[in-house]
Amino acid sequence: HFAGLGGLNVINFSMKPNAGTVFTSLDHWDDRKDKSLQLKGIMDTLNKKFAAIKGARVMVISPPAIPGLGQTGGFTFELQQRSSTDDIKQFEQVVNNFVAAANQRPELQGVFSFFTAKTPAYHVDVDRELAKKMGVNIADVYQTLQTFLGSTYVNDFTSYGRNFRVVAQADMPFRGDIKDLSQYYVKNNTGTMVPLSAITTYKVIENAPVISHFNIFRNAEINGNAAPGYSSGQAIEALKQLAAEVLPEGYGYEFAGMTREELLSGNSTMIIFSLSIAFVFLFLAALYESWSIPFSVLLAVPIGAFGAILTLFFIPKLTNNVYAQIGLITLIGLAAKNAILIVEYAKERVDRGIAVVPATLDAVKLRLRPIVMTSLAFILGILPLVFSDGAGAISRQTIGWTVLGGMLAATLLAIFFVPVLFVIITKIAYGKKLAKDKSAQLFYDSDETE
């Protein structure tokens, strides 16, 4: 199903007579198993067909991932004219040069901008001296042009319980040609009706139909997508590098929509990870009543993260996006869980006076089976995420593969590293105390023998 709106460019919400927007609703996901019937396949097919239309520029654009954050999927780049004094034609040239250069970057795909300064228009001049001689008020001239060619809001009225807006405007047959100015009249100071064509002249020009501003500065919105095999973060970095290379002095840029939110949230990613690890450390410190033992648990977390990142690297369709970061935060607890099973039993034996190495070996032997069983249960539990399909499957697969790779690494590698780390950290932190306890134990044994 599809529905069209004539005169509206939904990307920049400009009203232009030579623009239009068509919204297309796709069939259910289950009825579009073939790749050519999925979103990217449909977009590629339509773009090829629309490219043959010479009298119009038609772009097929995916909707934003989160409704309300931008108007398109992919990135939103706002090119701004800041301190430059270039006219609108020179500004258009800068925009076109940037778009052309962006399409040459391997990280970017389908970069475009709807900004143009080549739309045909009429430039109407009012002969002020002649209007003054004829007794015509200049304000009345502009008001007449505004009302007949554009529109003028009059008022609202209520009828049958509904509100209606009154807008004055010339009827369609009387505003379809610039020559209709001869049929528009304005009253002079003697009450005589003077045709506008007597005091106005016009000429055809090329101009920008819409000039938008972003943070006060004149801007042109540039949209596009990351190329296959590249993440949105790599696309953003490519745009930053390109802006530094291509944009002349006096020009700048900002990001908007989802891209701006991604940059703002990206700055907080390390804070979130740091807070997560800090809370885990504090909980472990309270559990073991020690500031050093928790490190033997936390140092197992990088092993799980290594497995997750390695998994993302070897699966091209997956990227380190927000879903992968959710999986990485989940791995902090999952990787720590396996280490806790070993460290807790080992510490109990050390507290009872058993030597560190024998206590650790006993703990490893006792807790190996529970670690493997719980890890396998969790890994089997996330397989539906790993092999999911349907709408939004890539988000579920990203979380599933991230956690799966991290858990495999935490299970297969951490069980060897954690005992070693526990022994090393315990000897470093409690070396003197352990030696004293050992001496006391030997003295006690010798005393019993005597």
Protein backbone atom coordinates (compact mmCIF):
# COMPACT_ATOMS: atom_id res chain seq x y z
CA HIS A 1 0.00 0.00 0.00
CA PHE A 2 1.19 3.54 -0.60
CA ALA A 3 -0.03 7.08 -0.07
CA GLY A 4 1.28 10.30 -1.61
CA LEU A 5 1.47 13.94 -0.57
CA GLY A 6 1.95 16.48 -3.32
CA GLY A 7 3.92 19.62 -2.55
CA LEU A 8 5.65 18.30 0.60
CA ASN A 9 9.27 17.26 0.98
CA VAL A 10 9.07 15.24 4.19
CA ILE A 11 12.87 15.20 4.69
CA ASN A 12 13.14 18.94 5.37
CA PHE A 13 9.39 19.61 5.67
CA SER A 14 9.42 22.21 2.95
CA MET A 15 6.31 23.03 0.91
CA LYS A 16 7.21 23.31 -2.76
CA PRO A 17 5.06 22.91 -5.87
CA ASN A 18 7.72 20.72 -7.50
CA ALA A 19 8.14 18.27 -4.59
CA GLY A 20 6.21 15.28 -3.33
CA THR A 21 6.47 12.40 -0.88
CA VAL A 22 5.16 8.86 -1.14
CA PHE A 23 4.86 6.66 1.96
CA THR A 24 5.02 2.95 1.22
CA SER A 25 3.79 0.21 3.54
CA LEU A 26 5.37 -3.20 2.94
CA ASP A 27 3.77 -6.61 3.23
CA HIS A 28 4.29 -8.69 6.35
CA TRP A 29 7.82 -9.95 6.95
CA ASP A 30 6.73 -13.59 6.63
CA ASP A 31 5.54 -12.91 3.07
CA ARG A 32 8.89 -11.40 2.01
CA LYS A 33 11.42 -14.15 2.57
CA ASP A 34 13.31 -13.43 -0.64
CA LYS A 35 16.06 -10.82 -0.28
CA SER A 36 14.75 -8.88 -3.27
CA LEU A 37 11.48 -8.36 -1.37
CA GLN A 38 13.12 -7.14 1.81
CA LEU A 39 13.79 -3.48 2.53
CA LYS A 40 17.22 -3.15 0.93
CA GLY A 41 16.20 -5.21 -2.09
CA ILE A 42 13.08 -3.12 -2.67
CA MET A 43 15.05 0.10 -2.29
CA ASP A 44 17.70 -1.04 -4.80
CA THR A 45 15.02 -2.08 -7.31
CA LEU A 46 13.11 1.19 -7.03
CA ASN A 47 16.25 3.33 -7.19
CA LYS A 48 17.27 1.63 -10.46
CA LYS A 49 13.84 2.23 -11.98
CA PHE A 50 13.56 5.82 -10.79
CA ALA A 51 17.04 6.60 -12.11
CA ALA A 52 15.59 6.36 -15.63
CA ILE A 53 13.29 9.33 -14.93
CA LYS A 54 15.11 12.36 -16.35
CA GLY A 55 12.61 15.06 -15.40
CA ALA A 56 12.72 14.42 -11.66
CA ARG A 57 15.03 13.35 -8.89
CA VAL A 58 13.50 10.49 -6.94
CA MET A 59 15.13 9.12 -3.79
CA VAL A 60 14.03 5.96 -1.97
CA ILE A 61 14.80 6.44 1.73
CA SER A 62 14.39 4.11 4.68
CA PRO A 63 12.64 5.50 7.77
CA PRO A 64 14.63 6.31 10.92
CA ALA A 65 15.39 3.47 13.31
CA ILE A 66 13.68 5.39 16.13
CA PRO A 67 10.65 7.46 15.04
CA GLY A 68 11.12 11.11 15.91
CA LEU A 69 14.94 11.08 15.79
CA GLY A 70 15.56 12.38 12.30
CA GLN A 71 13.59 11.82 9.12
CA THR A 72 15.69 9.12 7.49
CA GLY A 73 17.69 6.06 8.37
CA GLY A 74 21.47 6.43 8.36
CA PHE A 75 23.34 9.61 9.28
CA THR A 76 22.19 13.23 9.27
CA PHE A 77 24.94 15.78 8.56
CA GLU A 78 24.20 19.52 8.77
CA LEU A 79 26.64 21.53 6.64
CA GLN A 80 26.69 25.10 7.94
CA GLN A 81 27.80 28.40 6.44
CA ARG A 82 29.20 30.12 9.51
CA SER A 83 31.60 33.02 8.92
CA SER A 84 31.67 32.75 5.13
CA THR A 85 30.19 35.52 2.99
CA ASP A 86 29.49 33.30 -0.04
CA ASP A 87 26.22 33.83 -1.87
CA ILE A 88 23.64 31.07 -2.30
CA LYS A 89 25.19 29.83 -5.55
CA GLN A 90 28.63 29.43 -4.00
CA PHE A 91 27.05 27.73 -1.00
CA GLU A 92 25.36 25.25 -3.33
CA GLN A 93 28.71 24.51 -4.97
CA VAL A 94 30.28 23.73 -1.59
CA VAL A 95 27.39 21.37 -0.78
CA ASN A 96 27.67 19.59 -4.13
CA ASN A 97 31.45 19.21 -3.77
CA PHE A 98 31.04 17.69 -0.32
CA VAL A 99 28.34 15.25 -1.47
CA ALA A 100 30.46 14.18 -4.45
CA ALA A 101 33.51 13.64 -2.24
CA ALA A 102 31.43 11.73 0.33
CA ASN A 103 30.19 9.30 -2.32
CA GLN A 104 33.82 8.48 -3.11
CA ARG A 105 34.54 7.33 0.44
CA PRO A 106 34.35 3.54 0.91
CA GLU A 107 32.72 3.96 4.34
CA LEU A 108 29.74 5.90 2.94
CA GLN A 109 26.93 4.97 0.58
CA GLY A 110 24.02 6.82 -1.02
CA VAL A 111 25.00 10.29 0.19
CA PHE A 112 22.59 12.98 -1.03
CA SER A 113 21.17 16.41 -0.26
CA PHE A 114 17.95 18.02 -1.44
CA PHE A 115 19.45 21.49 -1.27
CA THR A 116 19.45 23.29 -4.60
CA ALA A 117 19.74 26.87 -5.79
CA LYS A 118 18.60 26.11 -9.35
CA THR A 119 14.84 26.10 -8.93
CA PRO A 120 13.14 28.41 -11.47
CA ALA A 121 11.40 31.36 -9.88
CA TYR A 122 10.03 34.80 -10.71
CA HIS A 123 11.62 37.93 -9.33
CA VAL A 124 9.00 40.70 -9.12
CA ASP A 125 10.11 44.34 -8.89
CA VAL A 126 7.77 47.07 -7.71
CA ASP A 127 8.41 50.48 -9.25
CA ARG A 128 8.17 52.54 -6.08
CA GLU A 129 8.48 55.94 -7.82
CA LEU A 130 5.71 55.11 -10.28
CA ALA A 131 3.51 53.75 -7.48
CA LYS A 132 4.03 56.97 -5.52
CA LYS A 133 3.06 59.06 -8.55
CA MET A 134 -0.07 56.97 -9.03
CA GLY A 135 -0.98 57.30 -5.33
CA VAL A 136 -0.61 53.62 -4.55
CA ASN A 137 0.51 52.55 -1.09
CA ILE A 138 3.49 50.14 -1.33
CA ALA A 139 2.20 48.10 1.62
CA ASP A 140 -1.08 47.52 -0.27
CA VAL A 141 0.90 46.20 -3.25
CA TYR A 142 2.76 43.61 -1.19
CA GLN A 143 -0.40 42.66 0.71
CA THR A 144 -2.23 42.07 -2.57
CA LEU A 145 0.58 39.91 -3.94
CA GLN A 146 0.71 37.95 -0.69
CA THR A 147 -3.04 37.36 -0.60
CA PHE A 148 -3.64 36.38 -4.22
CA LEU A 149 -0.46 34.42 -5.00
CA GLY A 150 0.18 33.06 -1.52
CA SER A 151 -2.56 33.22 1.07
CA THR A 152 -3.73 35.31 4.01
CA TYR A 153 -5.30 33.97 7.19
CA VAL A 154 -8.55 35.77 7.99
CA ASN A 155 -10.16 34.09 11.01
CA ASP A 156 -11.83 30.95 12.33
CA PHE A 157 -15.52 30.20 12.61
CA THR A 158 -17.55 27.37 14.11
CA SER A 159 -20.33 25.64 12.24
CA TYR A 160 -22.21 22.46 13.21
CA GLY A 161 -19.80 21.87 16.08
CA ARG A 162 -16.68 22.03 13.88
CA ASN A 163 -14.03 24.73 13.57
CA PHE A 164 -13.13 26.04 10.13
CA ARG A 165 -10.25 28.31 9.11
CA VAL A 166 -10.84 31.10 6.62
CA VAL A 167 -7.94 31.68 4.21
CA ALA A 168 -8.10 34.22 1.37
CA GLN A 169 -6.37 33.27 -1.90
CA ALA A 170 -6.89 33.69 -5.63
CA ASP A 171 -8.71 30.81 -7.28
CA MET A 172 -6.55 28.27 -9.08
CA PRO A 173 -7.19 29.52 -12.65
CA PHE A 174 -6.13 33.03 -11.57
CA ARG A 175 -2.73 32.19 -10.03
CA GLY A 176 -1.33 29.68 -12.49
CA ASP A 177 0.54 32.19 -14.66
CA ILE A 178 2.66 35.24 -13.88
CA LYS A 179 0.62 37.15 -16.46
CA ASP A 180 -2.29 37.00 -14.03
CA LEU A 181 -0.74 40.04 -12.33
CA SER A 182 -2.69 42.11 -14.84
CA GLN A 183 -5.90 40.84 -13.21
CA TYR A 184 -4.89 41.89 -9.69
CA TYR A 185 -5.90 45.42 -8.69
CA VAL A 186 -4.97 47.70 -5.82
CA LYS A 187 -6.81 50.88 -4.81
CA ASN A 188 -4.94 54.19 -4.85
CA ASN A 189 -5.60 57.22 -2.64
CA THR A 190 -8.34 58.51 -4.97
CA GLY A 191 -10.26 55.21 -4.94
CA THR A 192 -9.20 54.18 -8.47
CA MET A 193 -8.31 50.49 -9.02
CA VAL A 194 -4.80 50.19 -10.48
CA PRO A 195 -3.64 46.86 -12.04
CA LEU A 196 -0.47 45.50 -10.50
CA SER A 197 1.01 44.91 -13.94
CA ALA A 198 1.19 48.72 -14.36
CA ILE A 199 3.62 49.18 -11.46
CA THR A 200 5.49 45.84 -11.43
CA THR A 201 7.96 44.02 -13.65
CA TYR A 202 9.21 40.43 -13.42
CA LYS A 203 11.97 38.21 -14.70
CA VAL A 204 12.81 34.50 -14.46
CA ILE A 205 15.66 33.61 -12.08
CA GLU A 206 17.15 30.53 -10.43
CA ASN A 207 17.05 30.48 -6.68
CA ALA A 208 16.83 28.21 -3.65
CA PRO A 209 13.18 27.34 -2.96
CA VAL A 210 13.94 26.74 0.72
CA ILE A 211 16.80 28.18 2.79
CA SER A 212 16.95 26.48 6.16
CA HIS A 213 19.02 27.30 9.24
CA PHE A 214 20.54 25.08 11.90
CA ASN A 215 21.69 26.78 15.11
CA ILE A 216 21.20 30.17 13.43
CA PHE A 217 23.60 29.42 10.53
CA ARG A 218 22.47 28.75 6.97
CA ASN A 219 22.66 25.01 6.41
CA ALA A 220 22.08 22.17 3.99
CA GLU A 221 21.09 18.76 5.33
CA ILE A 222 23.08 15.84 3.94
CA ASN A 223 21.88 12.27 4.43
CA GLY A 224 23.31 8.87 3.65
CA ASN A 225 24.18 5.45 5.04
CA ALA A 226 27.21 3.50 6.13
CA ALA A 227 28.43 1.22 3.37
CA PRO A 228 28.08 -2.57 3.84
CA GLY A 229 30.80 -3.83 6.15
CA TYR A 230 31.18 -0.49 7.96
CA SER A 231 29.58 0.65 11.19
CA SER A 232 27.77 3.92 11.80
CA GLY A 233 30.71 5.04 13.96
CA GLN A 234 33.11 4.53 11.04
CA ALA A 235 30.76 6.52 8.79
CA ILE A 236 30.73 9.38 11.30
CA GLU A 237 34.53 9.41 11.49
CA ALA A 238 34.71 9.42 7.68
CA LEU A 239 32.42 12.47 7.57
CA LYS A 240 34.56 14.29 10.12
CA GLN A 241 37.73 13.58 8.14
CA LEU A 242 36.04 14.63 4.91
CA ALA A 243 34.83 17.90 6.44
CA ALA A 244 38.37 18.72 7.56
CA GLU A 245 39.68 18.04 4.04
CA VAL A 246 36.96 19.45 1.77
CA LEU A 247 35.11 22.27 3.53
CA PRO A 248 36.57 25.73 2.84
CA GLU A 249 37.24 28.31 5.53
CA GLY A 250 34.11 29.77 7.04
CA TYR A 251 32.14 26.52 6.90
CA GLY A 252 31.36 24.06 9.67
CA TYR A 253 29.07 21.17 10.45
CA GLU A 254 26.86 19.59 13.09
CA PHE A 255 25.18 16.21 13.38
CA ALA A 256 21.44 15.83 13.95
CA GLY A 257 18.85 13.13 14.54
CA MET A 258 20.04 9.65 15.41
CA THR A 259 23.64 10.56 14.59
CA ARG A 260 23.69 13.29 17.22
CA GLU A 261 22.17 10.95 19.80
CA GLU A 262 24.74 8.29 18.91
CA LEU A 263 27.60 10.73 19.48
CA LEU A 264 26.14 11.91 22.79
CA SER A 265 25.58 8.37 24.02
CA GLY A 266 28.97 7.26 22.72
CA ASN A 267 30.66 9.67 25.09
CA SER A 268 28.89 8.00 28.02
CA THR A 269 29.70 4.41 27.04
CA MET A 270 32.95 4.30 29.00
CA ILE A 271 31.20 5.89 31.99
CA ILE A 272 28.54 3.16 31.94
CA PHE A 273 31.16 0.40 31.70
CA SER A 274 33.22 1.98 34.47
CA LEU A 275 30.22 2.29 36.76
CA SER A 276 29.19 -1.31 36.06
CA ILE A 277 32.64 -2.62 36.95
CA ALA A 278 32.84 -0.32 40.00
CA PHE A 279 29.56 -1.64 41.40
CA VAL A 280 30.59 -5.25 40.78
CA PHE A 281 33.88 -4.55 42.57
CA LEU A 282 32.10 -3.00 45.58
CA PHE A 283 29.69 -5.93 45.84
CA LEU A 284 32.57 -8.41 45.68
CA ALA A 285 34.56 -6.43 48.23
CA ALA A 286 31.59 -6.60 50.60
CA LEU A 287 31.15 -10.31 49.89
CA TYR A 288 34.78 -11.29 50.51
CA GLU A 289 35.51 -8.52 53.04
CA SER A 290 38.65 -7.79 51.06
CA TRP A 291 39.83 -5.11 48.66
CA SER A 292 42.21 -7.39 46.75
CA ILE A 293 40.36 -10.68 46.21
CA PRO A 294 37.70 -9.06 43.91
CA PHE A 295 40.45 -8.32 41.37
CA SER A 296 40.87 -12.05 40.71
CA VAL A 297 37.19 -12.09 39.72
CA LEU A 298 37.14 -8.85 37.74
CA LEU A 299 40.21 -9.76 35.72
CA ALA A 300 38.10 -12.54 34.17
CA VAL A 301 35.85 -9.90 32.58
CA PRO A 302 38.37 -8.87 29.85
CA ILE A 303 38.55 -12.52 28.78
CA GLY A 304 34.80 -12.58 28.16
CA ALA A 305 34.94 -9.21 26.40
CA PHE A 306 37.78 -10.51 24.22
CA GLY A 307 35.63 -13.46 23.13
CA ALA A 308 32.69 -11.16 22.34
CA ILE A 309 34.77 -8.72 20.28
CA LEU A 310 36.44 -11.59 18.44
CA THR A 311 33.01 -12.99 17.56
CA LEU A 312 31.85 -9.63 16.21
CA PHE A 313 35.04 -9.36 14.16
CA PHE A 314 34.58 -12.71 12.42
CA ILE A 315 30.87 -12.21 11.61
CA PRO A 316 30.73 -9.43 8.97
CA LYS A 317 27.02 -8.69 9.26
CA LEU A 318 27.41 -7.74 12.94
CA THR A 319 28.79 -4.42 14.18
CA ASN A 320 29.72 -3.02 17.57
CA ASN A 321 26.45 -1.18 18.03
CA VAL A 322 24.26 -0.46 21.04
CA TYR A 323 23.00 -4.06 21.12
CA ALA A 324 26.57 -5.36 21.26
CA GLN A 325 27.31 -2.95 24.09
CA ILE A 326 24.28 -4.27 26.00
CA GLY A 327 25.73 -7.75 25.54
CA LEU A 328 29.13 -6.60 26.81
CA ILE A 329 27.60 -5.13 29.96
CA THR A 330 25.74 -8.41 30.48
CA LEU A 331 29.04 -10.27 30.18
CA ILE A 332 30.45 -8.38 33.18
CA GLY A 333 28.08 -10.28 35.42
CA LEU A 334 28.22 -13.57 33.51
CA ALA A 335 32.01 -13.74 33.38
CA ALA A 336 32.24 -12.73 37.03
CA LYS A 337 29.75 -15.46 37.96
CA ASN A 338 32.07 -18.27 36.83
CA ALA A 339 35.03 -16.70 38.61
CA ILE A 340 33.04 -16.28 41.82
CA LEU A 341 32.29 -20.02 41.92
CA ILE A 342 36.03 -20.75 42.03
CA VAL A 343 37.23 -17.85 44.18
CA GLU A 344 34.56 -18.29 46.85
CA TYR A 345 35.41 -21.96 47.49
CA ALA A 346 39.15 -21.30 47.35
CA LYS A 347 38.91 -18.41 49.83
CA GLU A 348 36.86 -20.51 52.29
CA ARG A 349 39.61 -23.12 52.36
CA VAL A 350 42.35 -20.53 52.70
CA ASP A 351 40.47 -18.99 55.63
CA ARG A 352 40.42 -22.44 57.30
CA GLY A 353 44.19 -22.56 57.14
CA ILE A 354 44.76 -24.62 54.00
CA ALA A 355 47.65 -23.48 51.79
CA VAL A 356 46.69 -21.27 48.82
CA VAL A 357 47.67 -23.64 46.01
CA PRO A 358 46.02 -26.81 47.44
CA ALA A 359 42.93 -24.79 48.36
CA THR A 360 42.67 -23.40 44.84
CA LEU A 361 43.15 -26.82 43.23
CA ASP A 362 40.42 -28.28 45.45
CA ALA A 363 38.07 -25.45 44.50
CA VAL A 364 38.77 -25.93 40.78
CA LYS A 365 38.03 -29.66 40.98
CA LEU A 366 34.82 -29.16 42.94
CA ARG A 367 33.40 -26.28 40.92
CA LEU A 368 34.37 -27.36 37.39
CA ARG A 369 31.18 -29.31 36.82
CA PRO A 370 28.79 -26.58 38.10
CA ILE A 371 30.62 -23.97 36.01
CA VAL A 372 30.35 -26.05 32.84
CA MET A 373 26.73 -27.01 33.48
CA THR A 374 25.51 -23.47 34.21
CA SER A 375 27.49 -22.05 31.28
CA LEU A 376 26.13 -24.66 28.88
CA ALA A 377 22.60 -24.02 30.13
CA PHE A 378 23.01 -20.31 29.48
CA ILE A 379 24.65 -20.81 26.08
CA LEU A 380 21.86 -23.15 24.96
CA GLY A 381 19.33 -20.65 26.28
CA ILE A 382 20.57 -17.83 24.03
CA LEU A 383 20.69 -19.94 20.85
CA PRO A 384 17.19 -18.70 19.86
CA LEU A 385 18.65 -15.19 19.86
CA VAL A 386 21.67 -16.30 17.83
CA PHE A 387 19.60 -17.98 15.10
CA SER A 388 16.58 -15.67 15.18
CA ASP A 389 15.01 -14.35 11.99
CA GLY A 390 12.20 -12.03 11.01
CA ALA A 391 11.81 -8.29 11.53
CA GLY A 392 14.49 -6.87 13.81
CA ALA A 393 16.46 -10.13 13.74
CA ILE A 394 19.84 -8.41 13.42
CA SER A 395 19.43 -6.74 16.83
CA ARG A 396 18.63 -10.05 18.52
CA GLN A 397 21.47 -11.79 16.67
CA THR A 398 23.92 -9.10 17.75
CA ILE A 399 23.07 -9.56 21.42
CA GLY A 400 23.05 -13.35 21.05
CA TRP A 401 26.39 -13.66 19.28
CA THR A 402 28.06 -11.14 21.60
CA VAL A 403 27.01 -13.00 24.73
CA LEU A 404 27.66 -16.41 23.14
CA GLY A 405 31.25 -15.54 22.17
CA GLY A 406 31.91 -13.96 25.55
CA MET A 407 30.53 -16.91 27.49
CA LEU A 408 32.52 -19.43 25.45
CA ALA A 409 35.71 -17.50 26.17
CA ALA A 410 34.79 -17.05 29.85
CA THR A 411 34.08 -20.78 30.17
CA LEU A 412 36.96 -22.23 28.16
CA LEU A 413 39.69 -19.76 29.11
CA ALA A 414 38.71 -18.09 32.38
CA ILE A 415 38.63 -21.39 34.31
CA PHE A 416 42.39 -21.58 33.71
CA PHE A 417 43.21 -17.92 34.34
CA VAL A 418 41.07 -17.27 37.42
CA PRO A 419 42.80 -19.83 39.71
CA VAL A 420 46.21 -18.48 38.73
CA LEU A 421 45.08 -14.91 39.31
CA PHE A 422 43.61 -15.84 42.70
CA VAL A 423 46.87 -17.47 43.81
CA ILE A 424 49.01 -14.54 42.64
CA ILE A 425 46.77 -11.82 44.10
CA THR A 426 46.35 -13.68 47.39
CA LYS A 427 50.09 -14.17 47.82
CA ILE A 428 50.76 -10.51 46.97
CA ALA A 429 48.05 -9.14 49.25
CA TYR A 430 48.33 -11.58 52.16
CA GLY A 431 51.88 -12.90 51.77
CA LYS A 432 53.06 -11.98 55.27
CA LYS A 433 49.82 -13.07 56.90
CA LEU A 434 49.90 -16.44 55.12
CA ALA A 435 53.51 -17.00 56.13
CA LYS A 436 52.65 -16.18 59.77
CA ASP A 437 49.66 -18.53 59.71
CA LYS A 438 51.84 -21.28 58.23
CA SER A 439 54.46 -20.85 60.99
CA ALA A 440 51.74 -21.00 63.60
CA GLN A 441 50.39 -24.19 62.05
CA LEU A 442 53.83 -25.86 62.04
CA PHE A 443 54.41 -24.90 65.71
CA TYR A 444 51.01 -26.30 66.65
CA ASP A 445 51.76 -29.61 64.87
CA SER A 446 55.13 -30.00 66.57
CA ASP A 447 53.59 -29.26 69.97
CA GLU A 448 50.98 -31.98 69.49
CA THR A 449 53.72 -34.48 68.57
CA GLU A 450 55.64 -33.81 71.76
